Amino acid sequence: MKTEKQRLGVGGLLLAVSTALIIGIAMTNAIPSAFAGVASLTMAAGALIVGLSEDDAGV
């Protein structure tokens, strides 16, 4: 089982990468729009992991 810090790090990384991808899609046409759906799901997963990073924490 992963520790709280590892979960927080993974969740934060997912949030950062997906945020950068969504901003890149909004600002340029270099990234296909189909990645927006994947990025939004990744943001949701990252937020869930960060929210559950502490023991006995419910989201």
N, C-alpha and C. Protein backbone atom coordinates (compact mmCIF):
# COMPACT_ATOMS: atom_id res chain seq x y z
N MET A 1 0.84 -1.18 0.00
CA MET A 1 0.00 0.00 0.00
C MET A 1 0.88 1.24 0.00
N LYS A 2 0.49 2.20 -0.77
CA LYS A 2 1.29 3.42 -0.88
C LYS A 2 1.10 4.30 0.34
N THR A 3 2.14 5.03 0.65
CA THR A 3 2.06 5.94 1.79
C THR A 3 1.29 7.20 1.40
N GLU A 4 0.97 8.00 2.39
CA GLU A 4 0.20 9.22 2.14
C GLU A 4 0.97 10.17 1.23
N LYS A 5 2.27 10.30 1.46
CA LYS A 5 3.08 11.22 0.65
C LYS A 5 3.16 10.75 -0.80
N GLN A 6 3.25 9.44 -1.00
CA GLN A 6 3.31 8.92 -2.36
C GLN A 6 1.99 9.17 -3.09
N ARG A 7 0.88 8.94 -2.42
CA ARG A 7 -0.43 9.20 -3.03
C ARG A 7 -0.60 10.67 -3.36
N LEU A 8 -0.17 11.52 -2.43
CA LEU A 8 -0.28 12.96 -2.66
C LEU A 8 0.59 13.38 -3.84
N GLY A 9 1.78 12.81 -3.95
CA GLY A 9 2.67 13.12 -5.07
C GLY A 9 2.11 12.66 -6.41
N VAL A 10 1.58 11.45 -6.44
CA VAL A 10 1.01 10.93 -7.69
C VAL A 10 -0.21 11.75 -8.09
N GLY A 11 -1.07 12.06 -7.12
CA GLY A 11 -2.26 12.87 -7.42
C GLY A 11 -1.89 14.26 -7.91
N GLY A 12 -0.91 14.87 -7.25
CA GLY A 12 -0.45 16.19 -7.67
C GLY A 12 0.16 16.18 -9.06
N LEU A 13 0.91 15.13 -9.35
CA LEU A 13 1.51 15.00 -10.69
C LEU A 13 0.43 14.85 -11.76
N LEU A 14 -0.57 14.02 -11.49
CA LEU A 14 -1.67 13.86 -12.45
C LEU A 14 -2.41 15.17 -12.68
N LEU A 15 -2.64 15.91 -11.60
CA LEU A 15 -3.32 17.20 -11.73
C LEU A 15 -2.49 18.19 -12.54
N ALA A 16 -1.18 18.24 -12.29
CA ALA A 16 -0.32 19.18 -13.00
C ALA A 16 -0.23 18.86 -14.49
N VAL A 17 -0.05 17.57 -14.80
CA VAL A 17 0.08 17.18 -16.21
C VAL A 17 -1.22 17.42 -16.97
N SER A 18 -2.34 17.05 -16.37
CA SER A 18 -3.61 17.23 -17.07
C SER A 18 -3.98 18.70 -17.20
N THR A 19 -3.63 19.52 -16.21
CA THR A 19 -3.88 20.95 -16.31
C THR A 19 -3.05 21.55 -17.44
N ALA A 20 -1.79 21.17 -17.52
CA ALA A 20 -0.93 21.68 -18.61
C ALA A 20 -1.47 21.25 -19.97
N LEU A 21 -1.98 20.03 -20.07
CA LEU A 21 -2.53 19.54 -21.33
C LEU A 21 -3.78 20.32 -21.73
N ILE A 22 -4.65 20.58 -20.77
CA ILE A 22 -5.87 21.33 -21.07
C ILE A 22 -5.54 22.77 -21.47
N ILE A 23 -4.59 23.39 -20.78
CA ILE A 23 -4.19 24.75 -21.15
C ILE A 23 -3.55 24.76 -22.53
N GLY A 24 -2.75 23.73 -22.83
CA GLY A 24 -2.14 23.63 -24.16
C GLY A 24 -3.18 23.47 -25.25
N ILE A 25 -4.23 22.73 -24.98
CA ILE A 25 -5.31 22.56 -25.95
C ILE A 25 -6.04 23.87 -26.17
N ALA A 26 -6.25 24.60 -25.09
CA ALA A 26 -6.99 25.86 -25.19
C ALA A 26 -6.20 26.94 -25.91
N MET A 27 -4.89 26.95 -25.75
CA MET A 27 -4.08 28.05 -26.29
C MET A 27 -3.59 27.79 -27.72
N THR A 28 -3.43 26.53 -28.09
CA THR A 28 -2.90 26.22 -29.43
C THR A 28 -3.76 25.15 -30.08
N ASN A 29 -3.53 24.96 -31.33
CA ASN A 29 -4.19 23.87 -32.05
C ASN A 29 -3.23 22.72 -32.30
N ALA A 30 -2.07 22.75 -31.62
CA ALA A 30 -1.06 21.72 -31.84
C ALA A 30 -1.45 20.38 -31.21
N ILE A 31 -2.26 20.43 -30.16
CA ILE A 31 -2.67 19.21 -29.47
C ILE A 31 -4.10 18.88 -29.91
N PRO A 32 -4.36 17.67 -30.37
CA PRO A 32 -5.72 17.31 -30.79
C PRO A 32 -6.73 17.45 -29.65
N SER A 33 -7.90 17.89 -29.98
CA SER A 33 -8.94 18.11 -28.97
C SER A 33 -9.42 16.82 -28.32
N ALA A 34 -9.19 15.70 -28.95
CA ALA A 34 -9.61 14.43 -28.37
C ALA A 34 -8.91 14.15 -27.05
N PHE A 35 -7.75 14.74 -26.84
CA PHE A 35 -7.02 14.55 -25.59
C PHE A 35 -7.69 15.29 -24.44
N ALA A 36 -8.60 16.20 -24.72
CA ALA A 36 -9.26 16.95 -23.65
C ALA A 36 -10.08 16.02 -22.76
N GLY A 37 -10.73 15.04 -23.32
CA GLY A 37 -11.50 14.09 -22.53
C GLY A 37 -10.61 13.27 -21.62
N VAL A 38 -9.49 12.82 -22.15
CA VAL A 38 -8.53 12.06 -21.35
C VAL A 38 -7.96 12.94 -20.24
N ALA A 39 -7.66 14.19 -20.57
CA ALA A 39 -7.10 15.10 -19.57
C ALA A 39 -8.11 15.39 -18.47
N SER A 40 -9.38 15.52 -18.81
CA SER A 40 -10.37 15.78 -17.78
C SER A 40 -10.57 14.57 -16.86
N LEU A 41 -10.52 13.38 -17.42
CA LEU A 41 -10.59 12.18 -16.58
C LEU A 41 -9.36 12.03 -15.70
N THR A 42 -8.20 12.41 -16.23
CA THR A 42 -6.98 12.38 -15.44
C THR A 42 -7.04 13.39 -14.31
N MET A 43 -7.63 14.56 -14.57
CA MET A 43 -7.80 15.55 -13.50
C MET A 43 -8.71 15.01 -12.40
N ALA A 44 -9.77 14.36 -12.78
CA ALA A 44 -10.68 13.78 -11.79
C ALA A 44 -9.98 12.70 -10.97
N ALA A 45 -9.20 11.86 -11.63
CA ALA A 45 -8.47 10.81 -10.91
C ALA A 45 -7.44 11.42 -9.96
N GLY A 46 -6.74 12.45 -10.41
CA GLY A 46 -5.75 13.11 -9.56
C GLY A 46 -6.40 13.75 -8.34
N ALA A 47 -7.54 14.40 -8.54
CA ALA A 47 -8.25 15.02 -7.42
C ALA A 47 -8.73 13.96 -6.43
N LEU A 48 -9.18 12.82 -6.94
CA LEU A 48 -9.63 11.73 -6.08
C LEU A 48 -8.47 11.16 -5.27
N ILE A 49 -7.33 10.97 -5.92
CA ILE A 49 -6.16 10.43 -5.21
C ILE A 49 -5.69 11.40 -4.14
N VAL A 50 -5.64 12.70 -4.46
CA VAL A 50 -5.24 13.69 -3.45
C VAL A 50 -6.24 13.71 -2.30
N GLY A 51 -7.51 13.62 -2.61
CA GLY A 51 -8.53 13.63 -1.57
C GLY A 51 -8.49 12.42 -0.67
N LEU A 52 -8.04 11.31 -1.21
CA LEU A 52 -7.96 10.07 -0.42
C LEU A 52 -6.56 9.78 0.08
N SER A 53 -5.66 10.76 0.02
CA SER A 53 -4.27 10.52 0.39
C SER A 53 -4.10 10.30 1.89
N GLU A 54 -5.02 10.79 2.69
CA GLU A 54 -4.93 10.56 4.14
C GLU A 54 -5.75 9.33 4.51
N ASP A 55 -5.32 8.66 5.55
CA ASP A 55 -6.05 7.48 6.01
C ASP A 55 -7.40 7.89 6.57
N ASP A 56 -8.40 7.07 6.34
CA ASP A 56 -9.77 7.29 6.82
C ASP A 56 -10.37 8.60 6.33
N ALA A 57 -9.98 9.02 5.13
CA ALA A 57 -10.54 10.24 4.56
C ALA A 57 -11.48 9.86 3.43
N GLY A 58 -12.67 10.41 3.44
CA GLY A 58 -13.62 10.15 2.37
C GLY A 58 -13.80 11.37 1.50
N VAL A 59 -14.04 11.12 0.26
CA VAL A 59 -14.25 12.22 -0.68
C VAL A 59 -15.71 12.25 -1.05
